[in-house]
């Protein structure tokens, strides 16, 4: 009563082969191989990319934002009305 022995693995492989069929298993293995290939290519691309400076250096090299130009504030106008002169 322990792990799987060779006869157990053979029976398991036969059941999987019956359930999925030979064509489906070969398709899955082909897709698995393509996934590994694209992963390896992605890792190779990652090592070939230029190194970017750390964020602390990026912040120092960026110019501080320039405040927008001060817009003139509208001055209150004197309204025509009674001045209190009688």
PDB file of N, CA and C in Angstrom:
ATOM      1  N   UNK A   1       0.830  -1.185   0.000  1.00  0.00           N
ATOM      2  CA  UNK A   1       0.000   0.000   0.000  1.00  0.00           C
ATOM      3  C   UNK A   1       0.867   1.237   0.000  1.00  0.00           C
ATOM      4  N   UNK A   2       1.333   1.621  -1.047  1.00  0.00           N
ATOM      5  CA  UNK A   2       2.184   2.789  -1.077  1.00  0.00           C
ATOM      6  C   UNK A   2       1.925   3.558  -2.350  1.00  0.00           C
ATOM      7  N   UNK A   3       2.992   3.841  -3.022  1.00  0.00           N
ATOM      8  CA  UNK A   3       2.900   4.633  -4.241  1.00  0.00           C
ATOM      9  C   UNK A   3       2.422   3.801  -5.419  1.00  0.00           C
ATOM     10  N   UNK A   4       2.596   4.372  -6.566  1.00  0.00           N
ATOM     11  CA  UNK A   4       2.163   3.687  -7.780  1.00  0.00           C
ATOM     12  C   UNK A   4       3.301   2.823  -8.317  1.00  0.00           C
ATOM     13  N   UNK A   5       2.975   1.578  -8.598  1.00  0.00           N
ATOM     14  CA  UNK A   5       3.977   0.691  -9.180  1.00  0.00           C
ATOM     15  C   UNK A   5       3.827   0.698 -10.697  1.00  0.00           C
ATOM     16  N   UNK A   6       4.685  -0.022 -11.382  1.00  0.00           N
ATOM     17  CA  UNK A   6       4.675  -0.054 -12.841  1.00  0.00           C
ATOM     18  C   UNK A   6       3.340  -0.546 -13.399  1.00  0.00           C
ATOM     19  N   UNK A   7       2.751  -1.631 -12.874  1.00  0.00           N
ATOM     20  CA  UNK A   7       1.436  -2.056 -13.412  1.00  0.00           C
ATOM     21  C   UNK A   7       0.354  -0.987 -13.221  1.00  0.00           C
ATOM     22  N   UNK A   8       0.395  -0.271 -12.107  1.00  0.00           N
ATOM     23  CA  UNK A   8      -0.586   0.789 -11.880  1.00  0.00           C
ATOM     24  C   UNK A   8      -0.426   1.906 -12.915  1.00  0.00           C
ATOM     25  N   UNK A   9       0.805   2.283 -13.200  1.00  0.00           N
ATOM     26  CA  UNK A   9       1.060   3.341 -14.182  1.00  0.00           C
ATOM     27  C   UNK A   9       0.622   2.917 -15.583  1.00  0.00           C
ATOM     28  N   UNK A  10       0.811   1.650 -15.938  1.00  0.00           N
ATOM     29  CA  UNK A  10       0.397   1.163 -17.265  1.00  0.00           C
ATOM     30  C   UNK A  10      -1.117   1.219 -17.388  1.00  0.00           C
ATOM     31  N   UNK A  11      -1.834   0.767 -16.359  1.00  0.00           N
ATOM     32  CA  UNK A  11      -3.298   0.814 -16.384  1.00  0.00           C
ATOM     33  C   UNK A  11      -3.765   2.268 -16.468  1.00  0.00           C
ATOM     34  N   UNK A  12      -3.134   3.150 -15.720  1.00  0.00           N
ATOM     35  CA  UNK A  12      -3.497   4.567 -15.750  1.00  0.00           C
ATOM     36  C   UNK A  12      -3.275   5.155 -17.141  1.00  0.00           C
ATOM     37  N   UNK A  13      -2.158   4.822 -17.769  1.00  0.00           N
ATOM     38  CA  UNK A  13      -1.872   5.312 -19.116  1.00  0.00           C
ATOM     39  C   UNK A  13      -2.898   4.797 -20.113  1.00  0.00           C
ATOM     40  N   UNK A  14      -3.322   3.530 -19.998  1.00  0.00           N
ATOM     41  CA  UNK A  14      -4.338   2.969 -20.895  1.00  0.00           C
ATOM     42  C   UNK A  14      -5.681   3.675 -20.722  1.00  0.00           C
ATOM     43  N   UNK A  15      -6.061   3.965 -19.489  1.00  0.00           N
ATOM     44  CA  UNK A  15      -7.328   4.662 -19.231  1.00  0.00           C
ATOM     45  C   UNK A  15      -7.294   6.060 -19.841  1.00  0.00           C
ATOM     46  N   UNK A  16      -6.190   6.768 -19.661  1.00  0.00           N
ATOM     47  CA  UNK A  16      -6.051   8.110 -20.229  1.00  0.00           C
ATOM     48  C   UNK A  16      -6.100   8.037 -21.748  1.00  0.00           C
ATOM     49  N   UNK A  17      -5.442   7.029 -22.328  1.00  0.00           N
ATOM     50  CA  UNK A  17      -5.436   6.872 -23.779  1.00  0.00           C
ATOM     51  C   UNK A  17      -6.838   6.575 -24.300  1.00  0.00           C
ATOM     52  N   UNK A  18      -7.599   5.787 -23.574  1.00  0.00           N
ATOM     53  CA  UNK A  18      -8.966   5.471 -23.997  1.00  0.00           C
ATOM     54  C   UNK A  18      -9.858   6.696 -23.891  1.00  0.00           C
ATOM     55  N   UNK A  19      -9.709   7.463 -22.809  1.00  0.00           N
ATOM     56  CA  UNK A  19     -10.563   8.636 -22.603  1.00  0.00           C
ATOM     57  C   UNK A  19     -10.285   9.738 -23.625  1.00  0.00           C
ATOM     58  N   UNK A  20      -9.031  10.028 -23.855  1.00  0.00           N
ATOM     59  CA  UNK A  20      -8.689  11.167 -24.703  1.00  0.00           C
ATOM     60  C   UNK A  20      -8.388  10.786 -26.144  1.00  0.00           C
ATOM     61  N   UNK A  21      -7.961   9.588 -26.388  1.00  0.00           N
ATOM     62  CA  UNK A  21      -7.602   9.187 -27.742  1.00  0.00           C
ATOM     63  C   UNK A  21      -6.180   9.613 -28.071  1.00  0.00           C
ATOM     64  N   UNK A  22      -5.576   8.894 -29.020  1.00  0.00           N
ATOM     65  CA  UNK A  22      -4.180   9.155 -29.356  1.00  0.00           C
ATOM     66  C   UNK A  22      -3.983  10.528 -29.990  1.00  0.00           C
ATOM     67  N   UNK A  23      -4.904  10.956 -30.834  1.00  0.00           N
ATOM     68  CA  UNK A  23      -4.781  12.245 -31.519  1.00  0.00           C
ATOM     69  C   UNK A  23      -4.839  13.415 -30.555  1.00  0.00           C
ATOM     70  N   UNK A  24      -5.741  13.325 -29.600  1.00  0.00           N
ATOM     71  CA  UNK A  24      -5.903  14.422 -28.638  1.00  0.00           C
ATOM     72  C   UNK A  24      -4.660  14.545 -27.756  1.00  0.00           C
ATOM     73  N   UNK A  25      -4.087  13.431 -27.350  1.00  0.00           N
ATOM     74  CA  UNK A  25      -2.891  13.472 -26.503  1.00  0.00           C
ATOM     75  C   UNK A  25      -1.721  14.059 -27.278  1.00  0.00           C
ATOM     76  N   UNK A  26      -1.573  13.688 -28.545  1.00  0.00           N
ATOM     77  CA  UNK A  26      -0.463  14.238 -29.331  1.00  0.00           C
ATOM     78  C   UNK A  26      -0.662  15.735 -29.563  1.00  0.00           C
ATOM     79  N   UNK A  27      -1.915  16.176 -29.720  1.00  0.00           N
ATOM     80  CA  UNK A  27      -2.187  17.613 -29.853  1.00  0.00           C
ATOM     81  C   UNK A  27      -1.801  18.359 -28.569  1.00  0.00           C
ATOM     82  N   UNK A  28      -2.147  17.770 -27.431  1.00  0.00           N
ATOM     83  CA  UNK A  28      -1.821  18.416 -26.158  1.00  0.00           C
ATOM     84  C   UNK A  28      -0.312  18.491 -25.958  1.00  0.00           C
ATOM     85  N   UNK A  29       0.399  17.435 -26.327  1.00  0.00           N
ATOM     86  CA  UNK A  29       1.860  17.446 -26.173  1.00  0.00           C
ATOM     87  C   UNK A  29       2.491  18.467 -27.125  1.00  0.00           C
ATOM     88  N   UNK A  30       1.921  18.606 -28.349  1.00  0.00           N
ATOM     89  CA  UNK A  30       2.430  19.618 -29.279  1.00  0.00           C
ATOM     90  C   UNK A  30       2.219  21.020 -28.739  1.00  0.00           C
ATOM     91  N   UNK A  31       1.037  21.268 -28.163  1.00  0.00           N
ATOM     92  CA  UNK A  31       0.766  22.574 -27.562  1.00  0.00           C
ATOM     93  C   UNK A  31       1.695  22.831 -26.376  1.00  0.00           C
ATOM     94  N   UNK A  32       1.969  21.791 -25.605  1.00  0.00           N
ATOM     95  CA  UNK A  32       2.875  21.913 -24.464  1.00  0.00           C
ATOM     96  C   UNK A  32       4.279  22.272 -24.948  1.00  0.00           C
ATOM     97  N   UNK A  33       4.713  21.632 -26.015  1.00  0.00           N
ATOM     98  CA  UNK A  33       6.034  21.933 -26.580  1.00  0.00           C
ATOM     99  C   UNK A  33       6.123  23.356 -27.110  1.00  0.00           C
ATOM    100  N   UNK A  34       5.049  23.821 -27.760  1.00  0.00           N
ATOM    101  CA  UNK A  34       5.028  25.204 -28.260  1.00  0.00           C
ATOM    102  C   UNK A  34       5.075  26.200 -27.114  1.00  0.00           C
ATOM    103  N   UNK A  35       4.392  25.886 -26.032  1.00  0.00           N
ATOM    104  CA  UNK A  35       4.412  26.769 -24.862  1.00  0.00           C
ATOM    105  C   UNK A  35       5.800  26.877 -24.263  1.00  0.00           C
ATOM    106  N   UNK A  36       6.483  25.747 -24.162  1.00  0.00           N
ATOM    107  CA  UNK A  36       7.849  25.764 -23.619  1.00  0.00           C
ATOM    108  C   UNK A  36       8.774  26.550 -24.547  1.00  0.00           C
ATOM    109  N   UNK A  37       8.604  26.374 -25.857  1.00  0.00           N
ATOM    110  CA  UNK A  37       9.449  27.084 -26.820  1.00  0.00           C
ATOM    111  C   UNK A  37       9.244  28.591 -26.715  1.00  0.00           C
ATOM    112  N   UNK A  38       7.976  29.027 -26.629  1.00  0.00           N
ATOM    113  CA  UNK A  38       7.726  30.468 -26.532  1.00  0.00           C
ATOM    114  C   UNK A  38       8.227  31.017 -25.198  1.00  0.00           C
ATOM    115  N   UNK A  39       8.165  30.206 -24.137  1.00  0.00           N
ATOM    116  CA  UNK A  39       8.701  30.642 -22.845  1.00  0.00           C
ATOM    117  C   UNK A  39      10.202  30.855 -22.932  1.00  0.00           C
ATOM    118  N   UNK A  40      10.903  29.929 -23.567  1.00  0.00           N
ATOM    119  CA  UNK A  40      12.352  30.062 -23.709  1.00  0.00           C
ATOM    120  C   UNK A  40      12.707  31.285 -24.550  1.00  0.00           C
ATOM    121  N   UNK A  41      11.943  31.536 -25.616  1.00  0.00           N
ATOM    122  CA  UNK A  41      12.189  32.725 -26.448  1.00  0.00           C
ATOM    123  C   UNK A  41      11.953  33.994 -25.640  1.00  0.00           C
ATOM    124  N   UNK A  42      10.922  34.002 -24.823  1.00  0.00           N
ATOM    125  CA  UNK A  42      10.637  35.165 -23.984  1.00  0.00           C
ATOM    126  C   UNK A  42      11.748  35.412 -22.973  1.00  0.00           C
ATOM    127  N   UNK A  43      12.283  34.346 -22.420  1.00  0.00           N
ATOM    128  CA  UNK A  43      13.387  34.497 -21.470  1.00  0.00           C
ATOM    129  C   UNK A  43      14.632  35.019 -22.182  1.00  0.00           C
ATOM    130  N   UNK A  44      14.870  34.576 -23.417  1.00  0.00           N
ATOM    131  CA  UNK A  44      16.025  35.058 -24.177  1.00  0.00           C
ATOM    132  C   UNK A  44      15.847  36.537 -24.510  1.00  0.00           C
ATOM    133  N   UNK A  45      14.622  36.944 -24.859  1.00  0.00           N
ATOM    134  CA  UNK A  45      14.356  38.355 -25.147  1.00  0.00           C
ATOM    135  C   UNK A  45      14.566  39.203 -23.893  1.00  0.00           C
ATOM    136  N   UNK A  46      14.211  38.660 -22.749  1.00  0.00           N
ATOM    137  CA  UNK A  46      14.350  39.392 -21.486  1.00  0.00           C
ATOM    138  C   UNK A  46      15.821  39.660 -21.184  1.00  0.00           C
ATOM    139  N   UNK A  47      16.691  38.718 -21.492  1.00  0.00           N
ATOM    140  CA  UNK A  47      18.108  38.923 -21.207  1.00  0.00           C
ATOM    141  C   UNK A  47      18.754  39.863 -22.212  1.00  0.00           C
ATOM    142  N   UNK A  48      18.171  40.034 -23.400  1.00  0.00           N
ATOM    143  CA  UNK A  48      18.744  40.899 -24.428  1.00  0.00           C
ATOM    144  C   UNK A  48      18.262  42.340 -24.317  1.00  0.00           C
ATOM    145  N   UNK A  49      17.268  42.603 -23.458  1.00  0.00           N
ATOM    146  CA  UNK A  49      16.751  43.974 -23.326  1.00  0.00           C
ATOM    147  C   UNK A  49      17.761  44.848 -22.615  1.00  0.00           C
ATOM    148  N   UNK A  50      17.807  46.136 -22.986  1.00  0.00           N
ATOM    149  CA  UNK A  50      18.717  47.048 -22.281  1.00  0.00           C
ATOM    150  C   UNK A  50      18.247  47.247 -20.837  1.00  0.00           C
ATOM    151  N   UNK A  51      19.204  47.459 -19.986  1.00  0.00           N
ATOM    152  CA  UNK A  51      18.896  47.626 -18.565  1.00  0.00           C
ATOM    153  C   UNK A  51      18.377  49.042 -18.338  1.00  0.00           C
ATOM    154  N   UNK A  52      17.265  49.162 -17.644  1.00  0.00           N
ATOM    155  CA  UNK A  52      16.715  50.479 -17.317  1.00  0.00           C
ATOM    156  C   UNK A  52      17.238  50.886 -15.949  1.00  0.00           C
ATOM    157  N   UNK A  53      17.445  52.174 -15.733  1.00  0.00           N
ATOM    158  CA  UNK A  53      17.947  52.619 -14.430  1.00  0.00           C
ATOM    159  C   UNK A  53      16.895  52.388 -13.351  1.00  0.00           C
ATOM    160  N   UNK A  54      17.315  52.271 -12.102  1.00  0.00           N
ATOM    161  CA  UNK A  54      16.364  52.095 -11.010  1.00  0.00           C
ATOM    162  C   UNK A  54      15.423  53.292 -10.914  1.00  0.00           C
ATOM    163  N   UNK A  55      14.242  53.101 -10.310  1.00  0.00           N
ATOM    164  CA  UNK A  55      13.268  54.198 -10.214  1.00  0.00           C
ATOM    165  C   UNK A  55      13.816  55.440  -9.523  1.00  0.00           C
ATOM    166  N   UNK A  56      14.717  55.292  -8.570  1.00  0.00           N
ATOM    167  CA  UNK A  56      15.239  56.475  -7.882  1.00  0.00           C
ATOM    168  C   UNK A  56      16.020  57.359  -8.853  1.00  0.00           C
ATOM    169  N   UNK A  57      16.750  56.748  -9.793  1.00  0.00           N
ATOM    170  CA  UNK A  57      17.480  57.525 -10.789  1.00  0.00           C
ATOM    171  C   UNK A  57      16.538  58.119 -11.822  1.00  0.00           C
ATOM    172  N   UNK A  58      15.441  57.414 -12.114  1.00  0.00           N
ATOM    173  CA  UNK A  58      14.472  57.953 -13.067  1.00  0.00           C
ATOM    174  C   UNK A  58      13.830  59.221 -12.526  1.00  0.00           C
ATOM    175  N   UNK A  59      13.507  59.234 -11.237  1.00  0.00           N
ATOM    176  CA  UNK A  59      12.856  60.402 -10.661  1.00  0.00           C
ATOM    177  C   UNK A  59      13.787  61.601 -10.641  1.00  0.00           C
ATOM    178  N   UNK A  60      15.081  61.382 -10.461  1.00  0.00           N
ATOM    179  CA  UNK A  60      16.022  62.489 -10.421  1.00  0.00           C
ATOM    180  C   UNK A  60      16.214  63.098 -11.799  1.00  0.00           C
ATOM    181  N   UNK A  61      16.137  62.289 -12.845  1.00  0.00           N
ATOM    182  CA  UNK A  61      16.401  62.800 -14.183  1.00  0.00           C
ATOM    183  C   UNK A  61      15.179  63.485 -14.797  1.00  0.00           C
ATOM    184  N   UNK A  62      14.002  63.260 -14.252  1.00  0.00           N
ATOM    185  CA  UNK A  62      12.789  63.865 -14.785  1.00  0.00           C
ATOM    186  C   UNK A  62      12.662  65.290 -14.258  1.00  0.00           C
ATOM    187  N   UNK A  63      12.375  66.225 -15.160  1.00  0.00           N
ATOM    188  CA  UNK A  63      12.205  67.613 -14.760  1.00  0.00           C
ATOM    189  C   UNK A  63      10.915  67.754 -13.963  1.00  0.00           C
ATOM    190  N   UNK A  64      10.902  68.607 -12.941  1.00  0.00           N
ATOM    191  CA  UNK A  64       9.663  68.800 -12.190  1.00  0.00           C
ATOM    192  C   UNK A  64       8.623  69.461 -13.089  1.00  0.00           C
ATOM    193  N   UNK A  65       7.362  69.168 -12.868  1.00  0.00           N
ATOM    194  CA  UNK A  65       6.326  69.745 -13.714  1.00  0.00           C
ATOM    195  C   UNK A  65       6.272  71.267 -13.561  1.00  0.00           C
ATOM    196  N   UNK A  66       6.071  71.918 -14.665  1.00  0.00           N
ATOM    197  CA  UNK A  66       5.985  73.377 -14.679  1.00  0.00           C
ATOM    198  C   UNK A  66       4.544  73.754 -14.378  1.00  0.00           C
ATOM    199  N   UNK A  67       4.322  74.651 -13.397  1.00  0.00           N
ATOM    200  CA  UNK A  67       2.932  75.025 -13.093  1.00  0.00           C
ATOM    201  C   UNK A  67       2.332  75.781 -14.281  1.00  0.00           C
ATOM    202  N   UNK A  68       1.042  75.629 -14.477  1.00  0.00           N
ATOM    203  CA  UNK A  68       0.409  76.333 -15.592  1.00  0.00           C
ATOM    204  C   UNK A  68       0.524  77.848 -15.407  1.00  0.00           C
ATOM    205  N   UNK A  69       0.508  78.560 -16.515  1.00  0.00           N
ATOM    206  CA  UNK A  69       0.637  80.022 -16.460  1.00  0.00           C
ATOM    207  C   UNK A  69      -0.504  80.589 -15.625  1.00  0.00           C
ATOM    208  N   UNK A  70      -0.157  81.579 -14.788  1.00  0.00           N
ATOM    209  CA  UNK A  70      -1.172  82.196 -13.944  1.00  0.00           C
ATOM    210  C   UNK A  70      -2.144  82.975 -14.821  1.00  0.00           C
ATOM    211  N   UNK A  71      -3.384  82.667 -14.671  1.00  0.00           N
ATOM    212  CA  UNK A  71      -4.385  83.362 -15.458  1.00  0.00           C
ATOM    213  C   UNK A  71      -4.853  84.585 -14.678  1.00  0.00           C
ATOM    214  N   UNK A  72      -5.117  85.682 -15.391  1.00  0.00           N
ATOM    215  CA  UNK A  72      -5.551  86.889 -14.679  1.00  0.00           C
ATOM    216  C   UNK A  72      -6.886  86.649 -13.981  1.00  0.00           C
ATOM    217  N   UNK A  73      -6.947  87.155 -12.768  1.00  0.00           N
ATOM    218  CA  UNK A  73      -8.164  87.022 -11.998  1.00  0.00           C
ATOM    219  C   UNK A  73      -9.059  88.210 -12.324  1.00  0.00           C
ATOM    220  N   UNK A  74     -10.318  87.951 -12.568  1.00  0.00           N
ATOM    221  CA  UNK A  74     -11.251  89.021 -12.911  1.00  0.00           C
ATOM    222  C   UNK A  74     -11.437  89.935 -11.701  1.00  0.00           C
ATOM    223  N   UNK A  75     -11.273  91.244 -11.912  1.00  0.00           N
ATOM    224  CA  UNK A  75     -11.452  92.214 -10.847  1.00  0.00           C
ATOM    225  C   UNK A  75     -12.941  92.534 -10.729  1.00  0.00           C
ATOM    226  N   UNK A  76     -13.404  92.665  -9.513  1.00  0.00           N
ATOM    227  CA  UNK A  76     -14.828  93.012  -9.371  1.00  0.00           C
ATOM    228  C   UNK A  76     -15.076  94.424  -9.915  1.00  0.00           C
ATOM    229  N   UNK A  77     -16.119  94.540 -10.641  1.00  0.00           N
ATOM    230  CA  UNK A  77     -16.456  95.840 -11.227  1.00  0.00           C
ATOM    231  C   UNK A  77     -17.464  96.538 -10.326  1.00  0.00           C
ATOM    232  N   UNK A  78     -17.408  97.890 -10.371  1.00  0.00           N
ATOM    233  CA  UNK A  78     -18.360  98.651  -9.581  1.00  0.00           C
ATOM    234  C   UNK A  78     -19.677  98.688 -10.336  1.00  0.00           C
ATOM    235  N   UNK A  79     -20.702  98.409  -9.630  1.00  0.00           N
ATOM    236  CA  UNK A  79     -22.025  98.392 -10.267  1.00  0.00           C
ATOM    237  C   UNK A  79     -22.694  99.755 -10.122  1.00  0.00           C
ATOM    238  N   UNK A  80     -23.524 100.068 -11.078  1.00  0.00           N
ATOM    239  CA  UNK A  80     -24.286 101.307 -11.014  1.00  0.00           C
ATOM    240  C   UNK A  80     -25.402 101.109  -9.992  1.00  0.00           C
ATOM    241  N   UNK A  81     -25.550 101.994  -9.080  1.00  0.00           N
ATOM    242  CA  UNK A  81     -26.600 101.869  -8.097  1.00  0.00           C
ATOM    243  C   UNK A  81     -26.644 103.129  -7.245  1.00  0.00           C
ATOM    244  N   UNK A  82     -27.507 103.139  -6.309  1.00  0.00           N
ATOM    245  CA  UNK A  82     -27.596 104.327  -5.451  1.00  0.00           C
ATOM    246  C   UNK A  82     -26.323 104.484  -4.658  1.00  0.00           C
ATOM    247  N   UNK A  83     -25.820 105.688  -4.648  1.00  0.00           N
ATOM    248  CA  UNK A  83     -24.598 105.983  -3.931  1.00  0.00           C
ATOM    249  C   UNK A  83     -24.902 106.590  -2.558  1.00  0.00           C
ATOM    250  N   UNK A  84     -26.127 106.779  -2.282  1.00  0.00           N
ATOM    251  CA  UNK A  84     -26.478 107.352  -1.012  1.00  0.00           C
ATOM    252  C   UNK A  84     -26.506 108.860  -1.044  1.00  0.00           C
ATOM    253  N   UNK A  85     -26.315 109.513  -2.208  1.00  0.00           N
ATOM    254  CA  UNK A  85     -26.362 110.961  -2.299  1.00  0.00           C
ATOM    255  C   UNK A  85     -27.801 111.396  -2.506  1.00  0.00           C
ATOM    256  N   UNK A  86     -28.221 112.351  -1.734  1.00  0.00           N
ATOM    257  CA  UNK A  86     -29.597 112.829  -1.876  1.00  0.00           C
ATOM    258  C   UNK A  86     -29.634 114.253  -2.295  1.00  0.00           C
TER     259      UNK A  86
END
